[in-house]
Amino acid sequence: MIGGLIRSLSMSGMRAALAAIVLAASGTSALADSSSPFIYFATEDPFSAGQPTKNDIYVFGGVFASGSFGNTINAFRADYTNNYIIGAAYGRDLADIGAGFVFGGVTGAAVRFGEDDDTSGELWAGVRLRHQGLVIGDLAIAPALTAGLSAVTSTTEIEREREIYYDGDASFLGFIGAELSFRLRQAPNVELVYQLHHRSGAGGTFGNMGEGSNANTVGVRYRF
């Protein structure tokens, strides 16, 4: 039941959520800041009335896919499995480096489970580079990339198959979190986030592995 709910959120639920945000933004353009153009790339937090937020909590759920990073990033055409991930992460912005880019750090934990997988835990930490995003009226669409390290208590079925293929060890790998977030002016501290949760050996750098595992996730981030 839980797996089916997560799968729905990550697939059909993702489509519905993104459509709702776009419709809300298009229907509230009259509320946009009159001192700013209707569409522009932000160089600072476009919805902050005072001191920008520094901290954030992200809660998410997602579905593992059997393909590579390149295959999985096309979320609506990925070859999904019946294996899932739920988790949470804490992030903190550390420095505004100009041109709308913000440097920070992230640490997170997740539970992985499913039809083919024993339940396992994952811990990861890394550095994050995000941009304030493209602002369209009252909607901000912002990209971010987290890069770091990931450790698991045991490997998934896909990871075990790849351990055999590479003659490697997937228990400690590199981590990439590539994401796109959506935020409305009317709720400036809340973001809907799509993230590709990727574990990799970085061409043999970690565990003598190539691909580790990939999951498309959807979640909510609260900034404070």
Protein backbone atom coordinates (compact mmCIF):
# COMPACT_ATOMS: atom_id res chain seq x y z
CA MET A 1 0.00 0.00 0.00
CA ILE A 2 2.77 2.43 0.95
CA GLY A 3 4.75 1.48 -2.17
CA GLY A 4 1.71 2.05 -4.37
CA LEU A 5 1.16 5.50 -2.85
CA ILE A 6 4.78 6.50 -3.37
CA ARG A 7 4.70 5.25 -6.95
CA SER A 8 1.54 7.29 -7.61
CA LEU A 9 3.13 10.45 -6.21
CA SER A 10 6.25 9.97 -8.29
CA MET A 11 4.42 9.37 -11.56
CA SER A 12 0.82 10.51 -12.10
CA GLY A 13 0.95 12.57 -8.91
CA MET A 14 3.99 14.43 -10.21
CA ARG A 15 2.14 15.40 -13.38
CA ALA A 16 -0.88 16.67 -11.44
CA ALA A 17 1.19 18.63 -8.92
CA LEU A 18 3.26 20.39 -11.57
CA ALA A 19 0.16 21.21 -13.60
CA ALA A 20 -1.53 22.70 -10.53
CA ILE A 21 1.45 24.94 -9.79
CA VAL A 22 1.64 26.22 -13.36
CA LEU A 23 -2.10 26.93 -13.41
CA ALA A 24 -1.90 28.70 -10.05
CA ALA A 25 0.97 30.86 -11.25
CA SER A 26 -0.77 31.77 -14.49
CA GLY A 27 -3.94 32.67 -12.64
CA THR A 28 -2.26 34.94 -10.08
CA SER A 29 0.00 37.08 -12.24
CA ALA A 30 -1.73 40.20 -10.95
CA LEU A 31 -0.16 39.52 -7.54
CA ALA A 32 3.39 39.58 -8.90
CA ASP A 33 5.80 42.20 -7.62
CA SER A 34 5.08 45.27 -9.74
CA SER A 35 8.69 46.44 -9.46
CA SER A 36 10.00 43.31 -11.22
CA PRO A 37 9.53 42.06 -14.79
CA PHE A 38 7.00 39.26 -15.30
CA ILE A 39 9.72 36.78 -16.30
CA TYR A 40 13.40 36.99 -15.29
CA PHE A 41 16.30 35.04 -13.76
CA ALA A 42 16.58 35.96 -10.09
CA THR A 43 19.93 37.03 -8.63
CA GLU A 44 18.56 37.00 -5.07
CA ASP A 45 15.60 35.39 -3.32
CA PRO A 46 12.68 36.79 -5.33
CA PHE A 47 10.09 36.24 -2.59
CA SER A 48 12.01 37.29 0.50
CA ALA A 49 10.66 40.39 2.21
CA GLY A 50 13.62 40.56 4.60
CA GLN A 51 16.49 38.34 5.64
CA PRO A 52 16.67 35.29 3.29
CA THR A 53 16.12 31.87 4.85
CA LYS A 54 19.24 29.77 5.46
CA ASN A 55 17.89 26.38 6.53
CA ASP A 56 15.57 23.84 4.95
CA ILE A 57 13.99 20.46 5.66
CA TYR A 58 13.07 18.18 2.73
CA VAL A 59 10.73 15.16 3.07
CA PHE A 60 10.31 12.90 0.04
CA GLY A 61 9.28 9.56 -1.43
CA GLY A 62 10.23 7.94 -4.70
CA VAL A 63 10.52 4.92 -6.94
CA PHE A 64 13.69 3.16 -8.10
CA ALA A 65 14.26 2.73 -11.83
CA SER A 66 16.24 -0.02 -13.49
CA GLY A 67 18.04 2.22 -15.98
CA SER A 68 21.07 4.49 -15.79
CA PHE A 69 21.16 8.10 -14.64
CA GLY A 70 20.56 9.27 -18.21
CA ASN A 71 17.58 6.95 -18.66
CA THR A 72 16.03 7.81 -15.29
CA ILE A 73 16.19 11.59 -15.54
CA ASN A 74 13.37 11.41 -18.10
CA ALA A 75 10.92 10.81 -15.25
CA PHE A 76 7.87 10.04 -17.36
CA ARG A 77 9.60 7.41 -19.53
CA ALA A 78 11.84 5.71 -16.95
CA ASP A 79 11.60 1.94 -16.45
CA TYR A 80 10.34 1.82 -12.86
CA THR A 81 10.64 -1.12 -10.47
CA ASN A 82 8.47 -2.07 -7.49
CA ASN A 83 11.11 -0.78 -5.08
CA TYR A 84 10.85 2.47 -3.18
CA ILE A 85 12.63 5.06 -1.05
CA ILE A 86 11.33 7.45 1.60
CA GLY A 87 13.48 9.89 3.52
CA ALA A 88 14.32 13.36 4.73
CA ALA A 89 17.22 15.77 4.41
CA TYR A 90 18.44 18.91 6.14
CA GLY A 91 20.13 21.64 4.14
CA ARG A 92 21.79 24.93 4.98
CA ASP A 93 22.92 27.75 2.72
CA LEU A 94 26.47 28.83 3.54
CA ALA A 95 27.40 31.51 1.00
CA ASP A 96 25.87 33.62 -1.74
CA ILE A 97 28.46 33.38 -4.51
CA GLY A 98 26.81 35.81 -6.93
CA ALA A 99 24.68 35.79 -10.06
CA GLY A 100 21.90 34.03 -8.17
CA PHE A 101 24.01 31.03 -7.11
CA VAL A 102 24.06 29.87 -3.48
CA PHE A 103 26.53 27.35 -2.00
CA GLY A 104 25.55 25.13 0.92
CA GLY A 105 25.52 21.69 2.47
CA VAL A 106 23.01 18.83 2.80
CA THR A 107 22.74 15.71 4.93
CA GLY A 108 19.98 13.12 4.75
CA ALA A 109 18.68 9.68 5.67
CA ALA A 110 16.31 7.29 3.92
CA VAL A 111 14.72 3.85 4.09
CA ARG A 112 14.77 1.67 0.96
CA PHE A 113 12.35 -1.24 0.50
CA GLY A 114 10.16 -3.05 -1.98
CA GLU A 115 9.15 -6.22 -3.77
CA ASP A 116 12.71 -7.25 -4.68
CA ASP A 117 14.64 -5.53 -1.90
CA ASP A 118 15.24 -6.19 1.77
CA THR A 119 14.68 -3.08 3.87
CA SER A 120 17.88 -1.05 4.11
CA GLY A 121 18.97 2.34 5.34
CA GLU A 122 20.93 5.06 3.57
CA LEU A 123 22.86 8.05 4.91
CA TRP A 124 24.36 10.74 2.69
CA ALA A 125 25.99 14.14 2.94
CA GLY A 126 27.29 16.57 0.37
CA VAL A 127 27.66 20.11 -0.89
CA ARG A 128 24.86 21.84 -2.77
CA LEU A 129 24.91 24.47 -5.48
CA ARG A 130 21.54 25.99 -6.22
CA HIS A 131 20.25 28.93 -8.23
CA GLN A 132 17.49 31.32 -7.22
CA GLY A 133 15.75 30.30 -10.42
CA LEU A 134 13.56 31.52 -13.22
CA VAL A 135 10.69 33.68 -11.98
CA ILE A 136 7.46 33.69 -14.00
CA GLY A 137 4.97 35.98 -12.30
CA ASP A 138 4.40 34.40 -8.88
CA LEU A 139 6.19 31.14 -9.68
CA ALA A 140 9.91 30.45 -9.15
CA ILE A 141 11.43 27.39 -10.85
CA ALA A 142 14.88 26.71 -9.43
CA PRO A 143 17.55 24.09 -10.20
CA ALA A 144 20.04 22.65 -7.70
CA LEU A 145 22.72 19.97 -7.62
CA THR A 146 24.01 18.16 -4.55
CA ALA A 147 27.22 16.11 -4.77
CA GLY A 148 28.63 14.02 -1.95
CA LEU A 149 28.93 10.53 -0.46
CA SER A 150 26.37 7.85 0.36
CA ALA A 151 26.53 4.81 2.66
CA VAL A 152 23.93 2.03 2.97
CA THR A 153 23.31 -0.73 5.50
CA SER A 154 22.77 -3.25 2.68
CA THR A 155 22.47 -3.05 -1.08
CA THR A 156 19.33 -3.24 -3.22
CA GLU A 157 18.78 -5.97 -5.80
CA ILE A 158 19.81 -3.62 -8.63
CA GLU A 159 22.96 -2.65 -6.74
CA ARG A 160 23.82 -6.31 -6.10
CA GLU A 161 23.47 -7.09 -9.81
CA ARG A 162 25.79 -4.20 -10.61
CA GLU A 163 28.28 -5.30 -7.93
CA ILE A 164 28.55 -8.60 -9.82
CA TYR A 165 28.85 -6.83 -13.17
CA TYR A 166 31.59 -4.45 -11.99
CA ASP A 167 33.13 -6.83 -9.42
CA GLY A 168 32.66 -3.98 -6.96
CA ASP A 169 31.10 -2.97 -3.64
CA ALA A 170 28.08 -0.61 -3.60
CA SER A 171 27.93 -0.09 0.17
CA PHE A 172 29.81 3.25 -0.02
CA LEU A 173 29.39 5.33 -3.19
CA GLY A 174 29.23 8.84 -4.51
CA PHE A 175 25.91 10.65 -4.36
CA ILE A 176 24.28 13.08 -6.80
CA GLY A 177 20.96 14.80 -6.18
CA ALA A 178 19.83 16.66 -9.31
CA GLU A 179 16.64 18.62 -8.66
CA LEU A 180 14.10 21.14 -9.83
CA SER A 181 11.96 23.00 -7.29
CA PHE A 182 8.73 24.98 -7.68
CA ARG A 183 7.72 27.78 -5.30
CA LEU A 184 4.86 30.29 -5.23
CA ARG A 185 5.06 33.87 -3.96
CA GLN A 186 1.95 33.16 -1.87
CA ALA A 187 3.84 30.41 0.04
CA PRO A 188 7.49 31.54 -0.10
CA ASN A 189 8.77 29.04 2.48
CA VAL A 190 7.38 25.91 0.80
CA GLU A 191 8.72 24.19 -2.33
CA LEU A 192 7.53 21.22 -4.35
CA VAL A 193 10.70 19.36 -5.34
CA TYR A 194 11.53 16.76 -7.98
CA GLN A 195 14.91 15.13 -7.38
CA LEU A 196 16.81 12.31 -9.07
CA HIS A 197 18.46 10.39 -6.22
CA HIS A 198 21.61 8.87 -7.75
CA ARG A 199 24.29 6.61 -6.22
CA SER A 200 27.38 6.03 -8.34
CA GLY A 201 30.91 4.75 -8.24
CA ALA A 202 31.98 7.74 -10.36
CA GLY A 203 33.76 5.60 -12.93
CA GLY A 204 35.36 3.26 -10.41
CA THR A 205 36.38 5.95 -7.89
CA PHE A 206 34.15 4.46 -5.18
CA GLY A 207 33.79 0.72 -4.64
CA ASN A 208 35.14 -0.07 -8.11
CA MET A 209 31.59 0.67 -9.32
CA GLY A 210 29.96 2.46 -12.23
CA GLU A 211 26.21 2.92 -11.81
CA GLY A 212 24.81 2.21 -8.36
CA SER A 213 21.10 2.99 -8.25
CA ASN A 214 18.66 5.69 -9.38
CA ALA A 215 15.31 6.78 -7.97
CA ASN A 216 12.97 9.54 -9.06
CA THR A 217 11.56 11.29 -6.00
CA VAL A 218 8.99 13.95 -5.24
CA GLY A 219 8.80 15.84 -1.96
CA VAL A 220 8.14 19.03 -0.07
CA ARG A 221 10.83 21.35 1.27
CA TYR A 222 10.23 23.86 4.06
CA ARG A 223 12.63 26.80 4.28
CA PHE A 224 13.27 28.64 7.53
